[in-house]
Amino acid sequence: MAFDGSGLASGMYLVNMQAGGVVQVQKLVLLK
């Protein structure tokens, strides 16, 4: 999985990932 956060501000984001029938939410902290 690749992630490009260049257009986002620093902060905490919730990432919603789906694969097959599985859905998972993860916290992502972006520091610049």
N, C-alpha and C. Protein backbone atom coordinates (compact mmCIF):
# COMPACT_ATOMS: atom_id res chain seq x y z
N MET A 1 0.84 -1.17 0.00
CA MET A 1 0.00 0.00 0.00
C MET A 1 0.89 1.24 0.00
N ALA A 2 0.63 2.15 -0.89
CA ALA A 2 1.38 3.41 -0.96
C ALA A 2 0.49 4.54 -0.46
N PHE A 3 1.10 5.50 0.22
CA PHE A 3 0.35 6.64 0.75
C PHE A 3 1.12 7.92 0.45
N ASP A 4 0.47 8.89 -0.17
CA ASP A 4 1.08 10.18 -0.46
C ASP A 4 0.30 11.25 0.30
N GLY A 5 0.88 11.73 1.40
CA GLY A 5 0.21 12.73 2.21
C GLY A 5 0.70 14.14 1.95
N SER A 6 1.29 14.38 0.77
CA SER A 6 1.86 15.70 0.48
C SER A 6 0.80 16.80 0.43
N GLY A 7 -0.45 16.45 0.13
CA GLY A 7 -1.50 17.45 0.06
C GLY A 7 -2.28 17.60 1.35
N LEU A 8 -1.85 16.91 2.41
CA LEU A 8 -2.57 16.95 3.68
C LEU A 8 -1.76 17.69 4.74
N ALA A 9 -2.45 18.29 5.69
CA ALA A 9 -1.80 18.97 6.80
C ALA A 9 -1.40 17.94 7.86
N SER A 10 -0.45 18.31 8.72
CA SER A 10 -0.09 17.45 9.84
C SER A 10 -1.30 17.24 10.74
N GLY A 11 -1.42 16.05 11.29
CA GLY A 11 -2.53 15.76 12.19
C GLY A 11 -2.82 14.28 12.24
N MET A 12 -3.93 13.94 12.88
CA MET A 12 -4.34 12.54 12.99
C MET A 12 -5.50 12.29 12.04
N TYR A 13 -5.41 11.21 11.30
CA TYR A 13 -6.42 10.83 10.33
C TYR A 13 -6.87 9.41 10.60
N LEU A 14 -8.10 9.09 10.24
CA LEU A 14 -8.61 7.72 10.29
C LEU A 14 -8.59 7.17 8.88
N VAL A 15 -7.95 6.01 8.72
CA VAL A 15 -7.81 5.38 7.40
C VAL A 15 -8.73 4.17 7.36
N ASN A 16 -9.61 4.14 6.37
CA ASN A 16 -10.56 3.04 6.20
C ASN A 16 -10.02 2.12 5.11
N MET A 17 -9.67 0.88 5.48
CA MET A 17 -9.11 -0.08 4.53
C MET A 17 -10.08 -1.23 4.32
N GLN A 18 -10.29 -1.61 3.06
CA GLN A 18 -11.19 -2.71 2.74
C GLN A 18 -10.47 -3.69 1.84
N ALA A 19 -10.58 -4.99 2.16
CA ALA A 19 -10.00 -6.04 1.32
C ALA A 19 -10.92 -7.25 1.42
N GLY A 20 -11.51 -7.62 0.31
CA GLY A 20 -12.46 -8.72 0.34
C GLY A 20 -13.64 -8.34 1.21
N GLY A 21 -13.96 -9.17 2.20
CA GLY A 21 -15.06 -8.87 3.11
C GLY A 21 -14.60 -8.25 4.41
N VAL A 22 -13.33 -7.86 4.49
CA VAL A 22 -12.77 -7.33 5.74
C VAL A 22 -12.65 -5.82 5.64
N VAL A 23 -13.16 -5.13 6.65
CA VAL A 23 -13.04 -3.67 6.73
C VAL A 23 -12.30 -3.35 8.02
N GLN A 24 -11.27 -2.51 7.92
CA GLN A 24 -10.47 -2.17 9.10
C GLN A 24 -10.21 -0.68 9.11
N VAL A 25 -10.32 -0.06 10.28
CA VAL A 25 -10.04 1.37 10.45
C VAL A 25 -8.80 1.50 11.31
N GLN A 26 -7.83 2.27 10.82
CA GLN A 26 -6.58 2.49 11.55
C GLN A 26 -6.36 3.99 11.74
N LYS A 27 -5.68 4.35 12.83
CA LYS A 27 -5.29 5.74 13.06
C LYS A 27 -3.96 5.97 12.35
N LEU A 28 -3.83 7.13 11.72
CA LEU A 28 -2.60 7.50 11.05
C LEU A 28 -2.21 8.89 11.53
N VAL A 29 -0.98 9.04 12.03
CA VAL A 29 -0.49 10.34 12.46
C VAL A 29 0.50 10.83 11.42
N LEU A 30 0.22 12.00 10.85
CA LEU A 30 1.06 12.58 9.81
C LEU A 30 1.79 13.78 10.38
N LEU A 31 3.12 13.71 10.41
CA LEU A 31 3.95 14.81 10.90
C LEU A 31 4.78 15.35 9.75
N LYS A 32 4.79 16.66 9.63
CA LYS A 32 5.59 17.29 8.56
C LYS A 32 6.63 18.19 9.16
